[in-house]
C-alpha atoms as a PDB file:
ATOM      1  CA  MET A   1      22.815  -5.707  -5.045  1.00  0.00           C
ATOM      2  CA  PRO A   2      21.364  -3.398  -7.740  1.00  0.00           C
ATOM      3  CA  VAL A   3      17.714  -2.618  -7.708  1.00  0.00           C
ATOM      4  CA  GLU A   4      16.025  -3.519 -10.953  1.00  0.00           C
ATOM      5  CA  LYS A   5      14.366  -0.813 -12.723  1.00  0.00           C
ATOM      6  CA  VAL A   6      12.095  -0.410 -15.794  1.00  0.00           C
ATOM      7  CA  GLU A   7      11.932   2.966 -17.446  1.00  0.00           C
ATOM      8  CA  GLY A   8      13.100   4.614 -13.999  1.00  0.00           C
ATOM      9  CA  ARG A   9      10.567   2.667 -11.964  1.00  0.00           C
ATOM     10  CA  LEU A  10      11.229  -0.190  -9.558  1.00  0.00           C
ATOM     11  CA  ASP A  11      10.799  -3.458 -11.502  1.00  0.00           C
ATOM     12  CA  LEU A  12       8.620  -5.627  -9.216  1.00  0.00           C
ATOM     13  CA  SER A  13       9.063  -8.603 -11.479  1.00  0.00           C
ATOM     14  CA  LYS A  14      12.372  -9.763 -10.001  1.00  0.00           C
ATOM     15  CA  GLN A  15      13.228  -8.386  -6.629  1.00  0.00           C
ATOM     16  CA  PRO A  16      14.886 -10.592  -3.966  1.00  0.00           C
ATOM     17  CA  VAL A  17      12.803 -11.247  -0.893  1.00  0.00           C
ATOM     18  CA  PHE A  18      14.132 -12.500   2.459  1.00  0.00           C
ATOM     19  CA  LEU A  19      12.218 -13.536   5.684  1.00  0.00           C
ATOM     20  CA  PHE A  20      14.273 -13.465   8.906  1.00  0.00           C
ATOM     21  CA  GLU A  21      13.733 -14.926  12.371  1.00  0.00           C
ATOM     22  CA  ASP A  22      15.910 -12.757  14.636  1.00  0.00           C
ATOM     23  CA  ASP A  23      18.988 -12.438  12.498  1.00  0.00           C
ATOM     24  CA  ASP A  24      18.787 -15.755  10.654  1.00  0.00           C
ATOM     25  CA  VAL A  25      17.305 -16.061   7.059  1.00  0.00           C
ATOM     26  CA  ILE A  26      14.491 -18.683   7.240  1.00  0.00           C
ATOM     27  CA  ALA A  27      13.033 -18.302   3.730  1.00  0.00           C
ATOM     28  CA  GLU A  28      13.875 -16.546   0.517  1.00  0.00           C
ATOM     29  CA  GLY A  29      12.532 -15.983  -2.867  1.00  0.00           C
ATOM     30  CA  THR A  30      11.817 -13.303  -5.383  1.00  0.00           C
ATOM     31  CA  THR A  31       8.826 -11.237  -6.511  1.00  0.00           C
ATOM     32  CA  ALA A  32       8.972 -13.471  -9.577  1.00  0.00           C
ATOM     33  CA  ASP A  33       7.566 -16.217  -7.366  1.00  0.00           C
ATOM     34  CA  ILE A  34       4.282 -14.265  -7.236  1.00  0.00           C
ATOM     35  CA  LEU A  35       2.827 -15.581 -10.580  1.00  0.00           C
ATOM     36  CA  GLY A  36       5.937 -14.445 -12.371  1.00  0.00           C
ATOM     37  CA  ASN A  37       5.170 -10.873 -11.401  1.00  0.00           C
ATOM     38  CA  PRO A  38       2.976  -9.251  -8.660  1.00  0.00           C
ATOM     39  CA  TRP A  39       1.207  -7.231 -11.339  1.00  0.00           C
ATOM     40  CA  GLU A  40       0.151 -10.541 -12.984  1.00  0.00           C
ATOM     41  CA  ALA A  41      -1.414 -11.689  -9.727  1.00  0.00           C
ATOM     42  CA  ILE A  42      -3.519  -8.494  -9.683  1.00  0.00           C
ATOM     43  CA  ALA A  43      -4.657  -9.040 -13.243  1.00  0.00           C
ATOM     44  CA  ALA A  44      -5.492 -12.666 -12.372  1.00  0.00           C
ATOM     45  CA  ALA A  45      -7.613 -11.379  -9.503  1.00  0.00           C
ATOM     46  CA  GLN A  46      -9.539  -8.965 -11.809  1.00  0.00           C
ATOM     47  CA  ARG A  47     -10.240 -11.840 -14.320  1.00  0.00           C
ATOM     48  CA  MET A  48     -11.408 -14.178 -11.577  1.00  0.00           C
ATOM     49  CA  SER A  49     -13.489 -11.538  -9.931  1.00  0.00           C
ATOM     50  CA  ALA A  50     -15.154 -10.727 -13.222  1.00  0.00           C
ATOM     51  CA  THR A  51     -15.796 -14.400 -13.910  1.00  0.00           C
ATOM     52  CA  TYR A  52     -17.732 -14.716 -10.663  1.00  0.00           C
ATOM     53  CA  GLY A  53     -19.571 -11.372 -10.895  1.00  0.00           C
ATOM     54  CA  HIS A  54     -17.518  -9.490  -8.214  1.00  0.00           C
ATOM     55  CA  GLU A  55     -16.066  -6.129  -8.527  1.00  0.00           C
ATOM     56  CA  ILE A  56     -12.801  -5.029  -7.231  1.00  0.00           C
ATOM     57  CA  THR A  57     -13.346  -1.442  -6.201  1.00  0.00           C
ATOM     58  CA  ALA A  58     -10.906   1.405  -5.478  1.00  0.00           C
ATOM     59  CA  GLY A  59      -9.368   1.060  -2.100  1.00  0.00           C
ATOM     60  CA  SER A  60      -9.679  -2.809  -2.149  1.00  0.00           C
ATOM     61  CA  ILE A  61      -6.821  -4.686  -0.625  1.00  0.00           C
ATOM     62  CA  LEU A  62      -5.448  -7.439  -2.736  1.00  0.00           C
ATOM     63  CA  LEU A  63      -2.889  -9.960  -1.507  1.00  0.00           C
ATOM     64  CA  ALA A  64      -0.843 -10.711  -4.547  1.00  0.00           C
ATOM     65  CA  GLY A  65       0.644 -14.055  -3.181  1.00  0.00           C
ATOM     66  CA  ALA A  66       3.902 -15.099  -1.532  1.00  0.00           C
ATOM     67  CA  ALA A  67       7.360 -14.591  -2.551  1.00  0.00           C
ATOM     68  CA  THR A  68       8.622 -17.052   0.162  1.00  0.00           C
ATOM     69  CA  SER A  69       7.336 -20.239   1.716  1.00  0.00           C
ATOM     70  CA  ALA A  70       5.248 -19.816   5.055  1.00  0.00           C
ATOM     71  CA  ALA A  71       7.260 -20.192   8.232  1.00  0.00           C
ATOM     72  CA  PRO A  72       5.958 -20.849  11.763  1.00  0.00           C
ATOM     73  CA  ILE A  73       6.448 -18.305  14.336  1.00  0.00           C
ATOM     74  CA  THR A  74       7.252 -18.722  17.925  1.00  0.00           C
ATOM     75  CA  VAL A  75       6.901 -16.463  20.974  1.00  0.00           C
ATOM     76  CA  GLY A  76       9.846 -14.283  22.050  1.00  0.00           C
ATOM     77  CA  HIS A  77      11.339 -13.845  18.495  1.00  0.00           C
ATOM     78  CA  SER A  78      11.579 -11.063  16.020  1.00  0.00           C
ATOM     79  CA  TYR A  79      10.517 -11.513  12.394  1.00  0.00           C
ATOM     80  CA  ARG A  80      11.413  -9.354   9.532  1.00  0.00           C
ATOM     81  CA  ALA A  81      10.544  -9.442   5.783  1.00  0.00           C
ATOM     82  CA  MET A  82      12.680  -7.546   3.378  1.00  0.00           C
ATOM     83  CA  VAL A  83      11.764  -6.836  -0.249  1.00  0.00           C
ATOM     84  CA  TYR A  84      14.909  -5.401  -1.829  1.00  0.00           C
ATOM     85  CA  GLY A  85      14.319  -2.030  -3.264  1.00  0.00           C
ATOM     86  CA  LEU A  86      10.946  -1.575  -1.282  1.00  0.00           C
ATOM     87  CA  GLY A  87      11.996  -2.015   2.315  1.00  0.00           C
ATOM     88  CA  THR A  88      11.361  -3.996   5.386  1.00  0.00           C
ATOM     89  CA  VAL A  89       8.560  -4.666   7.733  1.00  0.00           C
ATOM     90  CA  SER A  90       9.051  -6.443  11.089  1.00  0.00           C
ATOM     91  CA  VAL A  91       7.216  -7.790  14.162  1.00  0.00           C
ATOM     92  CA  ARG A  92       8.270  -9.132  17.541  1.00  0.00           C
ATOM     93  CA  THR A  93       6.242 -11.761  19.073  1.00  0.00           C
ATOM     94  CA  GLY A  94       5.570 -11.752  22.962  1.00  0.00           C
ATOM     95  CA  ASP A  95       3.706 -13.632  25.641  1.00  0.00           C
ATOM     96  CA  ALA A  96       0.133 -12.672  25.505  1.00  0.00           C
ATOM     97  CA  ARG A  97      -0.251 -13.434  29.223  1.00  0.00           C
ATOM     98  CA  ASN A  98       1.945 -10.482  30.030  1.00  0.00           C
ATOM     99  CA  HIS A  99      -0.545  -7.998  28.095  1.00  0.00           C
ATOM    100  CA  GLY A 100      -3.763  -7.041  29.819  1.00  0.00           C
END
């Protein structure tokens, strides 16, 4: 699967996204599912913040949206999100009673 690029840079407007529970795909989508392009979500946040008199300052954390549907998590499983061309992030859930 080729990584989409625009002018030598990663094109975030159409990268595949997969959500795994253990080794099973439980949700999939593309970055286009985030208002058509994650950059559009950032522009929309700027417009909305200006409308309501808020400022987005340097260092602010913006959540652009979701490329997959939400999925419930259960104890004892591993979860991994993969954005093609960017990489993966993972977490393993455990039993809180076993941690002080």
